[in-house]
Each structure stands twice: as structure tokens, then as C-alpha cells.
Amino acid sequence: MSNSQMFNAGETKGHAQAKTDEWVESAKNTANTARDKTANAAQSTKESAQQQQEQASGFIQQTGEQMINMAQGAVDSVKNTLGVGDNTTKK
């Protein structure tokens, strides 16, 4: 093999190695981008779930308070009907 053939073979190998390195770096960048997007999506989903849970808790609490008030109103109404309510016992 002549010197020029050996030079061309070495040059070709160098270009191939450089191209391989570019592809590896590109693959790493793509993987990192995908990882970051997945992490962001997971965080967003977590935050959304927490917000929905808080809204549901608030709704349940509000509904419970309304039911307590309605029950108290019913008790007061029955007491007034039977004559044992606050309005009839005051002098």
C-alpha cells in the first residue's frame, strides 16, 4: 500500500469517526430532550392532580357544611312546630 493510499484510508477513517461522534452526540441530545420533556409532563400532571384533589376536598367540605346547616334547620323547624324551640321558650 502506498503512502497516499494509507493517507486516504486514515483520512476516511477519521471522517467516519467524526461522523459517528456527531451521531452519538445527537442521540444523547435527543435522549436528554426527551427525558426533560417527560419530567416536565410528569410534574405538570402531578400539579394538576394536586389541584383537582384540593378542589374536590373543598367541594366535599362545602357540601358537608350545607348538609349540617340543612339538618340544623330541620331540627329547629321541628322544635318550633312542637313548641320547644327558642321562640316559644323565651319569656
C-alpha atoms as a PDB file:
ATOM      1  CA  MET A   1       0.000   0.000   0.000  1.00  0.00           C
ATOM      2  CA  SER A   2       1.414   3.349  -0.960  1.00  0.00           C
ATOM      3  CA  ASN A   3       1.723   6.335   1.313  1.00  0.00           C
ATOM      4  CA  SER A   4      -1.122   8.158  -0.464  1.00  0.00           C
ATOM      5  CA  GLN A   5      -3.408   5.112  -0.114  1.00  0.00           C
ATOM      6  CA  MET A   6      -2.587   4.852   3.593  1.00  0.00           C
ATOM      7  CA  PHE A   7      -3.231   8.589   3.970  1.00  0.00           C
ATOM      8  CA  ASN A   8      -6.600   8.290   2.184  1.00  0.00           C
ATOM      9  CA  ALA A   9      -7.562   5.292   4.345  1.00  0.00           C
ATOM     10  CA  GLY A  10      -6.631   7.188   7.508  1.00  0.00           C
ATOM     11  CA  GLU A  11      -8.498  10.260   6.327  1.00  0.00           C
ATOM     12  CA  THR A  12     -11.599   8.192   5.549  1.00  0.00           C
ATOM     13  CA  LYS A  13     -11.407   6.524   8.962  1.00  0.00           C
ATOM     14  CA  GLY A  14     -11.090   9.956  10.604  1.00  0.00           C
ATOM     15  CA  HIS A  15     -14.160  11.247   8.755  1.00  0.00           C
ATOM     16  CA  ALA A  16     -16.108   8.122   9.696  1.00  0.00           C
ATOM     17  CA  GLN A  17     -15.123   8.526  13.348  1.00  0.00           C
ATOM     18  CA  ALA A  18     -16.103  12.199  13.304  1.00  0.00           C
ATOM     19  CA  LYS A  19     -19.474  11.336  11.764  1.00  0.00           C
ATOM     20  CA  THR A  20     -20.013   8.599  14.347  1.00  0.00           C
ATOM     21  CA  ASP A  21     -19.200  11.034  17.140  1.00  0.00           C
ATOM     22  CA  GLU A  22     -21.723  13.524  15.706  1.00  0.00           C
ATOM     23  CA  TRP A  23     -24.429  10.862  15.623  1.00  0.00           C
ATOM     24  CA  VAL A  24     -23.673   9.751  19.183  1.00  0.00           C
ATOM     25  CA  GLU A  25     -23.820  13.359  20.407  1.00  0.00           C
ATOM     26  CA  SER A  26     -27.070  13.924  18.514  1.00  0.00           C
ATOM     27  CA  ALA A  27     -28.573  10.766  20.057  1.00  0.00           C
ATOM     28  CA  LYS A  28     -27.519  11.931  23.534  1.00  0.00           C
ATOM     29  CA  ASN A  29     -29.100  15.335  22.950  1.00  0.00           C
ATOM     30  CA  THR A  30     -32.313  13.740  21.714  1.00  0.00           C
ATOM     31  CA  ALA A  31     -32.430  11.442  24.751  1.00  0.00           C
ATOM     32  CA  ASN A  32     -31.815  14.335  27.135  1.00  0.00           C
ATOM     33  CA  THR A  33     -34.524  16.419  25.479  1.00  0.00           C
ATOM     34  CA  ALA A  34     -36.981  13.521  25.696  1.00  0.00           C
ATOM     35  CA  ARG A  35     -36.070  12.969  29.372  1.00  0.00           C
ATOM     36  CA  ASP A  36     -36.606  16.659  30.156  1.00  0.00           C
ATOM     37  CA  LYS A  37     -39.954  16.757  28.355  1.00  0.00           C
ATOM     38  CA  THR A  38     -41.075  13.622  30.193  1.00  0.00           C
ATOM     39  CA  ALA A  39     -40.040  15.090  33.548  1.00  0.00           C
ATOM     40  CA  ASN A  40     -41.886  18.329  32.773  1.00  0.00           C
ATOM     41  CA  ALA A  41     -45.011  16.436  31.735  1.00  0.00           C
ATOM     42  CA  ALA A  42     -44.884  14.340  34.907  1.00  0.00           C
ATOM     43  CA  GLN A  43     -44.518  17.452  37.080  1.00  0.00           C
ATOM     44  CA  SER A  44     -47.401  19.147  35.291  1.00  0.00           C
ATOM     45  CA  THR A  45     -49.582  16.063  35.749  1.00  0.00           C
ATOM     46  CA  LYS A  46     -48.685  15.909  39.444  1.00  0.00           C
ATOM     47  CA  GLU A  47     -49.549  19.581  39.962  1.00  0.00           C
ATOM     48  CA  SER A  48     -52.827  19.194  38.092  1.00  0.00           C
ATOM     49  CA  ALA A  49     -53.777  16.157  40.178  1.00  0.00           C
ATOM     50  CA  GLN A  50     -52.997  18.022  43.395  1.00  0.00           C
ATOM     51  CA  GLN A  51     -55.107  20.972  42.288  1.00  0.00           C
ATOM     52  CA  GLN A  52     -58.028  18.715  41.399  1.00  0.00           C
ATOM     53  CA  GLN A  53     -57.711  16.944  44.742  1.00  0.00           C
ATOM     54  CA  GLU A  54     -57.811  20.275  46.575  1.00  0.00           C
ATOM     55  CA  GLN A  55     -60.866  21.354  44.589  1.00  0.00           C
ATOM     56  CA  ALA A  56     -62.615  18.068  45.363  1.00  0.00           C
ATOM     57  CA  SER A  57     -61.792  18.395  49.064  1.00  0.00           C
ATOM     58  CA  GLY A  58     -63.176  21.924  49.112  1.00  0.00           C
ATOM     59  CA  PHE A  59     -66.337  20.797  47.367  1.00  0.00           C
ATOM     60  CA  ILE A  60     -66.859  17.928  49.810  1.00  0.00           C
ATOM     61  CA  GLN A  61     -66.276  20.216  52.784  1.00  0.00           C
ATOM     62  CA  GLN A  62     -68.697  22.812  51.423  1.00  0.00           C
ATOM     63  CA  THR A  63     -71.323  20.136  50.742  1.00  0.00           C
ATOM     64  CA  GLY A  64     -70.896  18.752  54.259  1.00  0.00           C
ATOM     65  CA  GLU A  65     -71.365  22.199  55.783  1.00  0.00           C
ATOM     66  CA  GLN A  66     -74.509  22.739  53.707  1.00  0.00           C
ATOM     67  CA  MET A  67     -75.914  19.408  54.884  1.00  0.00           C
ATOM     68  CA  ILE A  68     -75.167  20.294  58.517  1.00  0.00           C
ATOM     69  CA  ASN A  69     -76.938  23.617  58.088  1.00  0.00           C
ATOM     70  CA  MET A  70     -79.931  21.959  56.425  1.00  0.00           C
ATOM     71  CA  ALA A  71     -80.148  19.365  59.222  1.00  0.00           C
ATOM     72  CA  GLN A  72     -79.928  22.087  61.874  1.00  0.00           C
ATOM     73  CA  GLY A  73     -82.654  23.998  60.056  1.00  0.00           C
ATOM     74  CA  ALA A  74     -84.846  20.890  60.039  1.00  0.00           C
ATOM     75  CA  VAL A  75     -84.243  20.333  63.755  1.00  0.00           C
ATOM     76  CA  ASP A  76     -85.123  23.977  64.511  1.00  0.00           C
ATOM     77  CA  SER A  77     -88.257  23.705  62.391  1.00  0.00           C
ATOM     78  CA  VAL A  78     -89.391  20.573  64.220  1.00  0.00           C
ATOM     79  CA  LYS A  79     -88.684  22.203  67.589  1.00  0.00           C
ATOM     80  CA  ASN A  80     -90.712  25.267  66.619  1.00  0.00           C
ATOM     81  CA  THR A  81     -93.551  23.089  65.353  1.00  0.00           C
ATOM     82  CA  LEU A  82     -93.633  21.150  68.614  1.00  0.00           C
ATOM     83  CA  GLY A  83     -93.366  24.298  70.674  1.00  0.00           C
ATOM     84  CA  VAL A  84     -89.969  23.567  72.162  1.00  0.00           C
ATOM     85  CA  GLY A  85     -87.999  25.937  70.006  1.00  0.00           C
ATOM     86  CA  ASP A  86     -86.176  29.032  71.240  1.00  0.00           C
ATOM     87  CA  ASN A  87     -89.024  31.313  70.128  1.00  0.00           C
ATOM     88  CA  THR A  88     -91.607  29.698  72.387  1.00  0.00           C
ATOM     89  CA  THR A  89     -89.464  29.207  75.495  1.00  0.00           C
ATOM     90  CA  LYS A  90     -88.447  32.867  75.890  1.00  0.00           C
ATOM     91  CA  LYS A  91     -90.489  34.968  78.260  1.00  0.00           C
END
